N, C-alpha and C. Protein backbone atom coordinates (compact mmCIF):
# COMPACT_ATOMS: atom_id res chain seq x y z
N MET A 1 158.13 -153.46 239.09
CA MET A 1 156.81 -153.83 238.59
C MET A 1 156.78 -155.30 238.23
N ARG A 2 155.64 -155.91 238.42
CA ARG A 2 155.52 -157.34 238.15
C ARG A 2 154.99 -157.58 236.75
N GLN A 3 155.65 -158.46 236.05
CA GLN A 3 155.27 -158.74 234.68
C GLN A 3 154.06 -159.66 234.64
N ILE A 4 153.13 -159.38 233.68
CA ILE A 4 152.04 -160.28 233.42
C ILE A 4 152.07 -160.62 231.95
N LYS A 5 151.07 -161.31 231.45
CA LYS A 5 151.14 -161.91 230.13
C LYS A 5 151.40 -160.89 229.03
N ARG A 6 152.23 -161.30 228.06
CA ARG A 6 152.53 -160.57 226.84
C ARG A 6 153.17 -159.21 227.11
N GLY A 7 153.89 -159.10 228.19
CA GLY A 7 154.69 -157.91 228.42
C GLY A 7 153.92 -156.71 228.93
N HIS A 8 152.64 -156.86 229.30
CA HIS A 8 151.89 -155.75 229.85
C HIS A 8 152.08 -155.72 231.36
N TYR A 9 151.76 -154.58 231.95
CA TYR A 9 151.95 -154.42 233.38
C TYR A 9 150.65 -154.02 234.04
N LYS A 10 150.53 -154.37 235.29
CA LYS A 10 149.32 -154.02 236.02
C LYS A 10 149.15 -152.51 236.05
N GLU A 11 147.94 -152.08 235.73
CA GLU A 11 147.67 -150.65 235.59
C GLU A 11 147.93 -149.89 236.88
N ASP A 12 147.55 -150.44 238.02
CA ASP A 12 147.71 -149.70 239.26
C ASP A 12 149.19 -149.48 239.58
N GLU A 13 150.03 -150.48 239.29
CA GLU A 13 151.46 -150.34 239.56
C GLU A 13 152.08 -149.29 238.64
N PHE A 14 151.75 -149.37 237.36
CA PHE A 14 152.31 -148.40 236.41
C PHE A 14 151.84 -146.98 236.75
N GLN A 15 150.54 -146.84 237.02
CA GLN A 15 149.99 -145.51 237.27
C GLN A 15 150.59 -144.91 238.53
N SER A 16 150.78 -145.72 239.56
CA SER A 16 151.36 -145.21 240.80
C SER A 16 152.75 -144.64 240.56
N THR A 17 153.56 -145.37 239.79
CA THR A 17 154.91 -144.90 239.50
C THR A 17 154.88 -143.68 238.60
N MET A 18 154.02 -143.71 237.57
CA MET A 18 153.96 -142.61 236.62
C MET A 18 153.48 -141.32 237.30
N GLU A 19 152.58 -141.45 238.26
CA GLU A 19 152.10 -140.27 238.97
C GLU A 19 153.25 -139.57 239.70
N LYS A 20 154.17 -140.33 240.24
CA LYS A 20 155.28 -139.75 240.97
C LYS A 20 156.22 -138.99 240.04
N VAL A 21 156.54 -139.58 238.86
CA VAL A 21 157.50 -138.92 237.98
C VAL A 21 156.88 -137.80 237.18
N MET A 22 155.54 -137.76 237.08
CA MET A 22 154.88 -136.73 236.30
C MET A 22 154.20 -135.67 237.18
N LYS A 23 154.53 -135.59 238.44
CA LYS A 23 153.80 -134.71 239.36
C LYS A 23 154.00 -133.22 239.05
N TYR A 24 155.04 -132.90 238.27
CA TYR A 24 155.26 -131.50 237.89
C TYR A 24 154.62 -131.15 236.55
N ILE A 25 153.76 -132.01 236.03
CA ILE A 25 153.31 -131.90 234.64
C ILE A 25 152.61 -130.58 234.34
N VAL A 26 151.92 -130.01 235.31
CA VAL A 26 151.20 -128.76 235.06
C VAL A 26 152.01 -127.55 235.50
N ARG A 27 152.58 -127.62 236.67
CA ARG A 27 153.28 -126.46 237.20
C ARG A 27 154.62 -126.22 236.53
N HIS A 28 155.26 -127.28 236.06
CA HIS A 28 156.61 -127.16 235.50
C HIS A 28 156.68 -127.88 234.16
N ARG A 29 155.95 -127.37 233.18
CA ARG A 29 155.91 -128.04 231.89
C ARG A 29 157.28 -128.12 231.24
N GLU A 30 158.15 -127.11 231.52
CA GLU A 30 159.46 -127.11 230.89
C GLU A 30 160.33 -128.25 231.40
N LYS A 31 159.99 -128.83 232.54
CA LYS A 31 160.75 -129.93 233.11
C LYS A 31 160.09 -131.28 232.93
N SER A 32 158.77 -131.29 232.85
CA SER A 32 158.03 -132.53 233.01
C SER A 32 158.38 -133.59 232.00
N ILE A 33 158.46 -133.23 230.73
CA ILE A 33 158.70 -134.24 229.71
C ILE A 33 160.09 -134.83 229.86
N PHE A 34 161.11 -134.00 230.14
CA PHE A 34 162.46 -134.54 230.24
C PHE A 34 162.63 -135.37 231.49
N ILE A 35 161.98 -134.96 232.57
CA ILE A 35 162.00 -135.79 233.78
C ILE A 35 161.39 -137.15 233.48
N GLY A 36 160.27 -137.13 232.78
CA GLY A 36 159.57 -138.37 232.47
C GLY A 36 160.36 -139.31 231.59
N VAL A 37 161.24 -138.77 230.73
CA VAL A 37 161.91 -139.64 229.78
C VAL A 37 162.84 -140.64 230.46
N VAL A 38 163.41 -140.26 231.59
CA VAL A 38 164.31 -141.18 232.29
C VAL A 38 163.54 -142.42 232.72
N PHE A 39 162.36 -142.20 233.31
CA PHE A 39 161.53 -143.32 233.72
C PHE A 39 161.03 -144.10 232.51
N VAL A 40 160.52 -143.38 231.52
CA VAL A 40 159.96 -144.04 230.34
C VAL A 40 161.03 -144.85 229.63
N ALA A 41 162.26 -144.34 229.60
CA ALA A 41 163.34 -145.08 228.95
C ALA A 41 163.52 -146.45 229.59
N ALA A 42 163.46 -146.48 230.91
CA ALA A 42 163.61 -147.76 231.60
C ALA A 42 162.46 -148.70 231.29
N VAL A 43 161.24 -148.15 231.30
CA VAL A 43 160.06 -148.97 231.00
C VAL A 43 160.13 -149.51 229.59
N VAL A 44 160.44 -148.62 228.64
CA VAL A 44 160.45 -149.02 227.24
C VAL A 44 161.55 -150.04 226.97
N LEU A 45 162.68 -149.92 227.65
CA LEU A 45 163.75 -150.88 227.45
C LEU A 45 163.29 -152.28 227.76
N VAL A 46 162.51 -152.43 228.85
CA VAL A 46 161.98 -153.74 229.21
C VAL A 46 160.95 -154.20 228.18
N ILE A 47 159.99 -153.32 227.89
CA ILE A 47 158.93 -153.67 226.96
C ILE A 47 159.48 -154.00 225.59
N PHE A 48 160.49 -153.26 225.19
CA PHE A 48 161.09 -153.45 223.87
C PHE A 48 161.59 -154.88 223.68
N PHE A 49 162.23 -155.41 224.69
CA PHE A 49 162.81 -156.74 224.54
C PHE A 49 161.82 -157.87 224.75
N ILE A 50 160.64 -157.57 225.32
CA ILE A 50 159.67 -158.64 225.52
C ILE A 50 158.45 -158.50 224.61
N SER A 51 158.39 -157.41 223.82
CA SER A 51 157.24 -157.22 222.92
C SER A 51 157.25 -158.29 221.85
N ARG A 52 156.05 -158.67 221.41
CA ARG A 52 155.91 -159.73 220.42
C ARG A 52 155.16 -159.21 219.20
N GLY A 53 155.36 -159.87 218.09
CA GLY A 53 154.65 -159.53 216.88
C GLY A 53 155.12 -158.24 216.23
N GLU A 54 156.26 -157.68 216.65
CA GLU A 54 156.79 -156.47 216.07
C GLU A 54 158.01 -156.80 215.23
N GLN A 55 158.14 -156.09 214.11
CA GLN A 55 159.31 -156.31 213.27
C GLN A 55 160.55 -155.77 213.97
N THR A 56 161.61 -156.56 213.97
CA THR A 56 162.85 -156.16 214.63
C THR A 56 164.00 -156.25 213.64
N HIS A 57 165.10 -155.62 214.03
CA HIS A 57 166.32 -155.64 213.22
C HIS A 57 167.49 -155.46 214.16
N PRO A 58 168.53 -156.28 214.07
CA PRO A 58 169.65 -156.17 215.01
C PRO A 58 170.26 -154.79 215.07
N GLN A 59 170.45 -154.14 213.93
CA GLN A 59 171.06 -152.81 213.94
C GLN A 59 170.14 -151.78 214.58
N ALA A 60 168.84 -151.94 214.37
CA ALA A 60 167.88 -151.04 215.01
C ALA A 60 167.94 -151.21 216.52
N ASP A 61 168.02 -152.46 216.97
CA ASP A 61 168.11 -152.72 218.41
C ASP A 61 169.37 -152.09 219.00
N LEU A 62 170.46 -152.17 218.26
CA LEU A 62 171.73 -151.61 218.72
C LEU A 62 171.65 -150.09 218.83
N LEU A 63 171.07 -149.44 217.82
CA LEU A 63 170.93 -147.99 217.85
C LEU A 63 170.01 -147.55 218.99
N HIS A 64 168.96 -148.32 219.20
CA HIS A 64 168.02 -148.02 220.29
C HIS A 64 168.73 -148.05 221.64
N THR A 65 169.49 -149.09 221.88
CA THR A 65 170.23 -149.23 223.14
C THR A 65 171.26 -148.13 223.29
N GLN A 66 171.94 -147.80 222.19
CA GLN A 66 172.94 -146.73 222.22
C GLN A 66 172.30 -145.40 222.58
N ALA A 67 171.14 -145.11 222.00
CA ALA A 67 170.45 -143.85 222.29
C ALA A 67 170.05 -143.76 223.75
N LEU A 68 169.57 -144.87 224.31
CA LEU A 68 169.20 -144.88 225.73
C LEU A 68 170.40 -144.59 226.61
N GLY A 69 171.53 -145.18 226.26
CA GLY A 69 172.74 -144.94 227.03
C GLY A 69 173.17 -143.48 226.99
N LEU A 70 173.08 -142.87 225.82
CA LEU A 70 173.47 -141.47 225.67
C LEU A 70 172.51 -140.56 226.45
N MET A 71 171.22 -140.86 226.40
CA MET A 71 170.26 -140.04 227.14
C MET A 71 170.49 -140.16 228.64
N SER A 72 170.79 -141.35 229.10
CA SER A 72 170.95 -141.55 230.54
C SER A 72 172.16 -140.80 231.09
N THR A 73 173.12 -140.45 230.23
CA THR A 73 174.29 -139.70 230.66
C THR A 73 174.22 -138.23 230.26
N GLY A 74 173.08 -137.81 229.75
CA GLY A 74 172.89 -136.40 229.42
C GLY A 74 173.50 -135.95 228.12
N ARG A 75 173.92 -136.88 227.27
CA ARG A 75 174.53 -136.51 225.99
C ARG A 75 173.42 -136.40 224.93
N ILE A 76 172.65 -135.32 225.07
CA ILE A 76 171.40 -135.17 224.33
C ILE A 76 171.63 -135.01 222.83
N GLN A 77 172.59 -134.18 222.46
CA GLN A 77 172.82 -133.94 221.04
C GLN A 77 173.25 -135.22 220.32
N GLU A 78 174.12 -136.00 220.96
CA GLU A 78 174.54 -137.26 220.37
C GLU A 78 173.38 -138.25 220.30
N ALA A 79 172.57 -138.28 221.35
CA ALA A 79 171.41 -139.16 221.36
C ALA A 79 170.46 -138.81 220.23
N GLU A 80 170.27 -137.52 219.98
CA GLU A 80 169.37 -137.11 218.91
C GLU A 80 169.89 -137.57 217.55
N GLY A 81 171.19 -137.51 217.36
CA GLY A 81 171.76 -137.98 216.10
C GLY A 81 171.51 -139.47 215.90
N VAL A 82 171.69 -140.25 216.95
CA VAL A 82 171.47 -141.70 216.85
C VAL A 82 169.99 -141.99 216.60
N LEU A 83 169.11 -141.28 217.28
CA LEU A 83 167.68 -141.50 217.10
C LEU A 83 167.23 -141.11 215.70
N THR A 84 167.81 -140.06 215.17
CA THR A 84 167.48 -139.66 213.79
C THR A 84 167.85 -140.76 212.81
N GLU A 85 169.04 -141.31 212.99
CA GLU A 85 169.46 -142.43 212.14
C GLU A 85 168.53 -143.62 212.30
N LEU A 86 168.17 -143.90 213.52
CA LEU A 86 167.28 -145.03 213.82
C LEU A 86 165.93 -144.87 213.13
N THR A 87 165.33 -143.71 213.26
CA THR A 87 163.99 -143.52 212.71
C THR A 87 164.00 -143.43 211.18
N GLN A 88 165.08 -142.94 210.62
CA GLN A 88 165.15 -142.83 209.17
C GLN A 88 165.42 -144.17 208.50
N GLN A 89 166.25 -144.99 209.11
CA GLN A 89 166.65 -146.25 208.48
C GLN A 89 165.77 -147.43 208.89
N TYR A 90 165.19 -147.36 210.09
CA TYR A 90 164.45 -148.52 210.60
C TYR A 90 163.09 -148.09 211.18
N GLY A 91 162.44 -147.17 210.49
CA GLY A 91 161.19 -146.61 210.98
C GLY A 91 160.06 -147.60 211.09
N ASN A 92 160.16 -148.74 210.41
CA ASN A 92 159.08 -149.73 210.45
C ASN A 92 159.28 -150.77 211.56
N THR A 93 160.34 -150.62 212.34
CA THR A 93 160.58 -151.54 213.46
C THR A 93 160.05 -150.93 214.75
N ARG A 94 159.93 -151.78 215.77
CA ARG A 94 159.51 -151.30 217.08
C ARG A 94 160.46 -150.23 217.59
N ALA A 95 161.75 -150.45 217.44
CA ALA A 95 162.74 -149.48 217.91
C ALA A 95 162.60 -148.16 217.18
N GLY A 96 162.37 -148.22 215.88
CA GLY A 96 162.22 -147.00 215.09
C GLY A 96 161.01 -146.19 215.50
N LYS A 97 159.92 -146.87 215.81
CA LYS A 97 158.71 -146.16 216.24
C LYS A 97 158.92 -145.49 217.59
N ILE A 98 159.55 -146.21 218.51
CA ILE A 98 159.82 -145.63 219.82
C ILE A 98 160.80 -144.46 219.68
N GLY A 99 161.69 -144.55 218.72
CA GLY A 99 162.63 -143.46 218.47
C GLY A 99 161.92 -142.15 218.18
N LEU A 100 160.77 -142.21 217.51
CA LEU A 100 160.00 -141.00 217.23
C LEU A 100 159.53 -140.35 218.53
N TYR A 101 159.13 -141.19 219.49
CA TYR A 101 158.71 -140.67 220.79
C TYR A 101 159.87 -139.95 221.47
N TYR A 102 161.03 -140.60 221.49
CA TYR A 102 162.19 -139.98 222.12
C TYR A 102 162.57 -138.66 221.46
N LEU A 103 162.49 -138.61 220.14
CA LEU A 103 162.81 -137.37 219.44
C LEU A 103 161.81 -136.27 219.81
N GLY A 104 160.56 -136.65 220.03
CA GLY A 104 159.59 -135.67 220.51
C GLY A 104 159.99 -135.11 221.86
N VAL A 105 160.47 -135.98 222.73
CA VAL A 105 160.91 -135.56 224.07
C VAL A 105 162.12 -134.65 223.97
N LEU A 106 163.11 -135.05 223.19
CA LEU A 106 164.36 -134.30 223.13
C LEU A 106 164.18 -132.94 222.47
N THR A 107 163.39 -132.87 221.40
CA THR A 107 163.17 -131.58 220.75
C THR A 107 162.33 -130.66 221.65
N TYR A 108 161.43 -131.23 222.43
CA TYR A 108 160.71 -130.42 223.41
C TYR A 108 161.69 -129.84 224.43
N HIS A 109 162.56 -130.67 224.92
CA HIS A 109 163.52 -130.26 225.95
C HIS A 109 164.42 -129.14 225.46
N THR A 110 164.70 -129.11 224.16
CA THR A 110 165.58 -128.08 223.61
C THR A 110 164.79 -126.91 223.01
N GLY A 111 163.49 -126.85 223.27
CA GLY A 111 162.71 -125.70 222.87
C GLY A 111 162.24 -125.67 221.44
N ARG A 112 162.39 -126.77 220.71
CA ARG A 112 161.94 -126.82 219.31
C ARG A 112 160.54 -127.44 219.28
N PHE A 113 159.58 -126.64 219.67
CA PHE A 113 158.24 -127.16 219.93
C PHE A 113 157.53 -127.65 218.67
N ASP A 114 157.69 -126.95 217.56
CA ASP A 114 157.04 -127.41 216.32
C ASP A 114 157.57 -128.79 215.90
N GLU A 115 158.89 -128.97 216.02
CA GLU A 115 159.48 -130.27 215.70
C GLU A 115 158.97 -131.33 216.66
N SER A 116 158.86 -130.95 217.92
CA SER A 116 158.39 -131.90 218.93
C SER A 116 156.98 -132.39 218.60
N ILE A 117 156.10 -131.46 218.25
CA ILE A 117 154.74 -131.84 217.88
C ILE A 117 154.75 -132.81 216.71
N ASP A 118 155.60 -132.51 215.72
CA ASP A 118 155.67 -133.38 214.53
C ASP A 118 156.11 -134.79 214.91
N PHE A 119 157.11 -134.90 215.75
CA PHE A 119 157.58 -136.23 216.16
C PHE A 119 156.53 -136.98 216.97
N PHE A 120 155.88 -136.29 217.88
CA PHE A 120 154.84 -136.94 218.66
C PHE A 120 153.69 -137.38 217.76
N ASP A 121 153.33 -136.54 216.80
CA ASP A 121 152.25 -136.90 215.87
C ASP A 121 152.63 -138.15 215.06
N ARG A 122 153.87 -138.20 214.61
CA ARG A 122 154.32 -139.36 213.84
C ARG A 122 154.31 -140.62 214.70
N PHE A 123 154.71 -140.48 215.96
CA PHE A 123 154.66 -141.63 216.85
C PHE A 123 153.22 -142.08 217.07
N LEU A 124 152.33 -141.15 217.32
CA LEU A 124 150.92 -141.49 217.56
C LEU A 124 150.29 -142.15 216.35
N ALA A 125 150.71 -141.75 215.15
CA ALA A 125 150.20 -142.37 213.94
C ALA A 125 150.75 -143.78 213.75
N ALA A 126 151.99 -143.98 214.20
CA ALA A 126 152.64 -145.29 214.00
C ALA A 126 152.23 -146.30 215.06
N GLU A 127 151.96 -145.83 216.27
CA GLU A 127 151.63 -146.72 217.40
C GLU A 127 150.22 -146.42 217.88
N LYS A 128 149.24 -147.10 217.31
CA LYS A 128 147.84 -146.83 217.61
C LYS A 128 147.41 -147.36 218.97
N ASN A 129 148.08 -148.39 219.48
CA ASN A 129 147.59 -149.06 220.69
C ASN A 129 148.64 -149.17 221.79
N ASP A 130 149.64 -148.31 221.78
CA ASP A 130 150.69 -148.39 222.78
C ASP A 130 150.16 -147.86 224.12
N TYR A 131 149.88 -148.80 225.01
CA TYR A 131 149.24 -148.46 226.29
C TYR A 131 150.11 -147.53 227.13
N LEU A 132 151.41 -147.69 227.09
CA LEU A 132 152.30 -146.93 227.95
C LEU A 132 152.70 -145.58 227.37
N LEU A 133 153.03 -145.54 226.08
CA LEU A 133 153.62 -144.33 225.53
C LEU A 133 152.62 -143.38 224.86
N ARG A 134 151.48 -143.88 224.38
CA ARG A 134 150.52 -142.97 223.75
C ARG A 134 150.05 -141.87 224.72
N PRO A 135 149.69 -142.20 225.96
CA PRO A 135 149.28 -141.13 226.88
C PRO A 135 150.39 -140.10 227.10
N SER A 136 151.61 -140.57 227.25
CA SER A 136 152.72 -139.66 227.46
C SER A 136 152.96 -138.80 226.22
N ALA A 137 152.81 -139.39 225.02
CA ALA A 137 152.98 -138.63 223.78
C ALA A 137 151.90 -137.58 223.63
N LEU A 138 150.66 -137.90 224.00
CA LEU A 138 149.59 -136.91 223.94
C LEU A 138 149.87 -135.75 224.89
N MET A 139 150.33 -136.08 226.09
CA MET A 139 150.67 -135.02 227.03
C MET A 139 151.84 -134.20 226.52
N GLY A 140 152.84 -134.87 225.96
CA GLY A 140 153.99 -134.16 225.42
C GLY A 140 153.62 -133.24 224.28
N ALA A 141 152.77 -133.72 223.38
CA ALA A 141 152.34 -132.89 222.25
C ALA A 141 151.55 -131.69 222.74
N GLY A 142 150.71 -131.89 223.76
CA GLY A 142 149.97 -130.77 224.32
C GLY A 142 150.90 -129.75 224.95
N ASN A 143 151.90 -130.22 225.68
CA ASN A 143 152.89 -129.32 226.27
C ASN A 143 153.62 -128.53 225.19
N ALA A 144 154.01 -129.23 224.11
CA ALA A 144 154.72 -128.56 223.02
C ALA A 144 153.83 -127.53 222.34
N ALA A 145 152.55 -127.85 222.15
CA ALA A 145 151.63 -126.89 221.55
C ALA A 145 151.50 -125.64 222.43
N GLU A 146 151.49 -125.85 223.75
CA GLU A 146 151.48 -124.70 224.64
C GLU A 146 152.76 -123.89 224.49
N GLY A 147 153.87 -124.57 224.21
CA GLY A 147 155.13 -123.86 223.99
C GLY A 147 155.07 -122.94 222.79
N THR A 148 154.26 -123.29 221.79
CA THR A 148 154.08 -122.44 220.61
C THR A 148 152.96 -121.43 220.80
N LYS A 149 152.33 -121.42 221.96
CA LYS A 149 151.19 -120.55 222.30
C LYS A 149 149.92 -120.95 221.54
N ASP A 150 149.90 -122.15 220.99
CA ASP A 150 148.71 -122.63 220.30
C ASP A 150 147.86 -123.42 221.30
N TYR A 151 147.10 -122.71 222.10
CA TYR A 151 146.36 -123.34 223.18
C TYR A 151 145.19 -124.17 222.67
N GLU A 152 144.63 -123.80 221.54
CA GLU A 152 143.55 -124.59 220.97
C GLU A 152 144.05 -125.97 220.55
N LEU A 153 145.24 -126.01 219.94
CA LEU A 153 145.81 -127.30 219.57
C LEU A 153 146.16 -128.11 220.81
N ALA A 154 146.72 -127.44 221.82
CA ALA A 154 147.05 -128.13 223.07
C ALA A 154 145.80 -128.77 223.66
N ALA A 155 144.68 -128.04 223.64
CA ALA A 155 143.44 -128.55 224.20
C ALA A 155 142.99 -129.82 223.48
N LYS A 156 143.23 -129.91 222.18
CA LYS A 156 142.82 -131.10 221.42
C LYS A 156 143.59 -132.34 221.89
N TYR A 157 144.89 -132.18 222.12
CA TYR A 157 145.67 -133.32 222.61
C TYR A 157 145.22 -133.72 224.02
N TYR A 158 145.03 -132.72 224.89
CA TYR A 158 144.62 -133.03 226.26
C TYR A 158 143.24 -133.67 226.29
N GLU A 159 142.36 -133.22 225.41
CA GLU A 159 141.01 -133.78 225.39
C GLU A 159 141.04 -135.26 224.99
N LYS A 160 141.89 -135.60 224.03
CA LYS A 160 142.03 -137.01 223.63
C LYS A 160 142.47 -137.85 224.81
N LEU A 161 143.42 -137.34 225.58
CA LEU A 161 143.90 -138.07 226.75
C LEU A 161 142.82 -138.13 227.82
N MET A 162 142.12 -137.05 228.02
CA MET A 162 141.06 -137.01 229.04
C MET A 162 139.98 -138.04 228.74
N ARG A 163 139.65 -138.23 227.47
CA ARG A 163 138.55 -139.12 227.10
C ARG A 163 138.92 -140.60 227.15
N ASP A 164 140.21 -140.89 227.28
CA ASP A 164 140.65 -142.28 227.41
C ASP A 164 140.67 -142.64 228.89
N LYS A 165 139.57 -143.15 229.39
CA LYS A 165 139.41 -143.38 230.82
C LYS A 165 140.39 -144.40 231.38
N ASP A 166 140.96 -145.24 230.51
CA ASP A 166 141.89 -146.28 230.97
C ASP A 166 143.35 -145.85 230.87
N ALA A 167 143.61 -144.65 230.33
CA ALA A 167 144.99 -144.21 230.14
C ALA A 167 145.65 -143.92 231.49
N PRO A 168 146.90 -144.32 231.67
CA PRO A 168 147.58 -144.08 232.94
C PRO A 168 147.64 -142.61 233.34
N LEU A 169 147.73 -141.68 232.38
CA LEU A 169 147.83 -140.26 232.68
C LEU A 169 146.53 -139.52 232.47
N GLN A 170 145.41 -140.23 232.49
CA GLN A 170 144.12 -139.62 232.16
C GLN A 170 143.79 -138.43 233.07
N VAL A 171 144.07 -138.54 234.36
CA VAL A 171 143.73 -137.44 235.27
C VAL A 171 144.59 -136.21 234.98
N TYR A 172 145.83 -136.42 234.54
CA TYR A 172 146.68 -135.29 234.19
C TYR A 172 146.18 -134.61 232.92
N GLY A 173 145.71 -135.42 231.97
CA GLY A 173 145.12 -134.86 230.77
C GLY A 173 143.88 -134.06 231.08
N THR A 174 143.06 -134.56 232.00
CA THR A 174 141.84 -133.86 232.40
C THR A 174 142.18 -132.52 233.05
N LEU A 175 143.15 -132.54 233.94
CA LEU A 175 143.59 -131.31 234.60
C LEU A 175 144.11 -130.30 233.58
N ALA A 176 144.95 -130.76 232.66
CA ALA A 176 145.51 -129.86 231.65
C ALA A 176 144.43 -129.32 230.73
N TYR A 177 143.48 -130.17 230.35
CA TYR A 177 142.40 -129.72 229.47
C TYR A 177 141.54 -128.66 230.16
N GLY A 178 141.18 -128.90 231.42
CA GLY A 178 140.40 -127.91 232.14
C GLY A 178 141.14 -126.59 232.26
N ARG A 179 142.41 -126.66 232.55
CA ARG A 179 143.21 -125.43 232.69
C ARG A 179 143.26 -124.66 231.37
N VAL A 180 143.53 -125.37 230.26
CA VAL A 180 143.72 -124.69 228.98
C VAL A 180 142.43 -124.08 228.45
N ILE A 181 141.32 -124.82 228.54
CA ILE A 181 140.09 -124.24 228.02
C ILE A 181 139.64 -123.06 228.87
N GLY A 182 139.99 -123.08 230.15
CA GLY A 182 139.73 -121.92 230.99
C GLY A 182 140.53 -120.72 230.53
N LEU A 183 141.79 -120.94 230.21
CA LEU A 183 142.64 -119.86 229.71
C LEU A 183 142.16 -119.36 228.35
N LEU A 184 141.49 -120.24 227.60
CA LEU A 184 140.94 -119.83 226.30
C LEU A 184 139.63 -119.05 226.46
N GLY A 185 139.11 -118.99 227.67
CA GLY A 185 137.94 -118.17 227.92
C GLY A 185 136.67 -118.91 228.31
N ASP A 186 136.66 -120.24 228.16
CA ASP A 186 135.46 -121.00 228.52
C ASP A 186 135.57 -121.42 229.97
N THR A 187 135.44 -120.44 230.86
CA THR A 187 135.67 -120.71 232.28
C THR A 187 134.57 -121.58 232.88
N GLU A 188 133.35 -121.48 232.35
CA GLU A 188 132.27 -122.31 232.88
C GLU A 188 132.55 -123.79 232.66
N LYS A 189 132.95 -124.14 231.44
CA LYS A 189 133.28 -125.52 231.13
C LYS A 189 134.50 -125.96 231.93
N ALA A 190 135.47 -125.07 232.07
CA ALA A 190 136.69 -125.39 232.82
C ALA A 190 136.34 -125.72 234.26
N ARG A 191 135.49 -124.92 234.88
CA ARG A 191 135.11 -125.16 236.28
C ARG A 191 134.39 -126.50 236.42
N LYS A 192 133.54 -126.82 235.46
CA LYS A 192 132.80 -128.08 235.51
C LYS A 192 133.76 -129.27 235.45
N ILE A 193 134.72 -129.20 234.55
CA ILE A 193 135.69 -130.30 234.40
C ILE A 193 136.57 -130.42 235.65
N LEU A 194 137.07 -129.29 236.12
CA LEU A 194 137.96 -129.31 237.28
C LEU A 194 137.23 -129.76 238.54
N GLN A 195 135.98 -129.32 238.72
CA GLN A 195 135.21 -129.75 239.89
C GLN A 195 134.93 -131.23 239.81
N GLY A 196 134.62 -131.71 238.60
CA GLY A 196 134.40 -133.15 238.43
C GLY A 196 135.64 -133.95 238.76
N LEU A 197 136.81 -133.40 238.43
CA LEU A 197 138.07 -134.07 238.76
C LEU A 197 138.27 -134.13 240.26
N VAL A 198 138.00 -133.04 240.95
CA VAL A 198 138.16 -132.99 242.40
C VAL A 198 137.22 -133.98 243.09
N ASP A 199 136.00 -134.10 242.56
CA ASP A 199 134.97 -134.93 243.20
C ASP A 199 134.98 -136.39 242.71
N SER A 200 135.88 -136.73 241.83
CA SER A 200 135.86 -138.06 241.22
C SER A 200 136.20 -139.15 242.23
N GLU A 201 135.70 -140.35 241.95
CA GLU A 201 135.99 -141.53 242.76
C GLU A 201 136.54 -142.63 241.86
N PRO A 202 137.69 -143.19 242.21
CA PRO A 202 138.52 -142.83 243.36
C PRO A 202 139.10 -141.42 243.20
N PRO A 203 139.46 -140.78 244.29
CA PRO A 203 139.96 -139.40 244.20
C PRO A 203 141.28 -139.35 243.42
N PRO A 204 141.55 -138.22 242.78
CA PRO A 204 142.81 -138.08 242.04
C PRO A 204 144.00 -137.97 243.00
N PRO A 205 145.22 -138.11 242.51
CA PRO A 205 146.40 -137.91 243.37
C PRO A 205 146.36 -136.53 244.03
N ASN A 206 147.01 -136.40 245.16
CA ASN A 206 146.96 -135.16 245.92
C ASN A 206 147.42 -133.95 245.12
N ASP A 207 148.48 -134.11 244.31
CA ASP A 207 148.99 -132.97 243.55
C ASP A 207 148.00 -132.54 242.49
N VAL A 208 147.31 -133.51 241.87
CA VAL A 208 146.31 -133.19 240.86
C VAL A 208 145.14 -132.46 241.51
N ALA A 209 144.66 -132.96 242.63
CA ALA A 209 143.54 -132.33 243.33
C ALA A 209 143.90 -130.90 243.76
N ALA A 210 145.12 -130.72 244.25
CA ALA A 210 145.55 -129.39 244.70
C ALA A 210 145.59 -128.41 243.53
N ASP A 211 146.12 -128.86 242.40
CA ASP A 211 146.19 -127.98 241.23
C ASP A 211 144.79 -127.69 240.70
N ALA A 212 143.91 -128.69 240.70
CA ALA A 212 142.54 -128.48 240.23
C ALA A 212 141.84 -127.43 241.09
N ARG A 213 142.03 -127.50 242.40
CA ARG A 213 141.41 -126.51 243.29
C ARG A 213 142.00 -125.12 243.06
N PHE A 214 143.29 -125.07 242.79
CA PHE A 214 143.93 -123.78 242.51
C PHE A 214 143.30 -123.13 241.27
N TYR A 215 143.13 -123.90 240.20
CA TYR A 215 142.57 -123.34 238.97
C TYR A 215 141.08 -123.06 239.13
N LEU A 216 140.40 -123.83 239.95
CA LEU A 216 138.99 -123.52 240.23
C LEU A 216 138.89 -122.14 240.88
N GLY A 217 139.76 -121.89 241.84
CA GLY A 217 139.77 -120.57 242.48
C GLY A 217 140.11 -119.47 241.49
N TYR A 218 141.05 -119.74 240.63
CA TYR A 218 141.47 -118.75 239.63
C TYR A 218 140.33 -118.42 238.67
N PHE A 219 139.62 -119.45 238.18
CA PHE A 219 138.56 -119.22 237.21
C PHE A 219 137.26 -118.75 237.86
N ASN A 220 137.17 -118.81 239.18
CA ASN A 220 135.99 -118.30 239.88
C ASN A 220 136.09 -116.81 240.18
N LYS A 221 137.24 -116.22 239.91
CA LYS A 221 137.43 -114.79 240.21
C LYS A 221 136.56 -113.94 239.28
């Protein structure tokens, strides 16, 4: 990806890459968040070192880098311990805030959905304008809420993502929101949202369109 001013990246480049790594987001929720973390880790590592105006601390930076290394080698339990230390001791730094996102991912991956929601909520409260990670955190929190069978809560997270027209994962949020509200019984609204997604311009990615058509057929029965 090509860097532009103040560490931001061109939306089309980021979205194109994110669509590839998140293509299982609806069909394989148990995999999607952990698959995404590998990519997000790489993105955040770059952004972390070029971000400006954020409070930093050498030890926080060290713990952040250590956690990334542990995650990249699959040492999840050790990574969680480092991230816990990071967020508890340096929660007001950029690294500490991102650590909350990672803890949301890792607790989701290990089936601790209530904890995952809590970590994602804390991250969302701490990072109001994070263009890259807020959409992923909203999707992650929605996935975790579905893990607890709280579909109404999941719909709230997906709706927030759906309404952010500039979010990189907006179409995935729209798809998830349409699916969940349909499962909650509002099939008419679900069909309207899903049909709008299929007919949108520019058209959604092929996997999103295919899933939207599948759920349209399901809710039309």
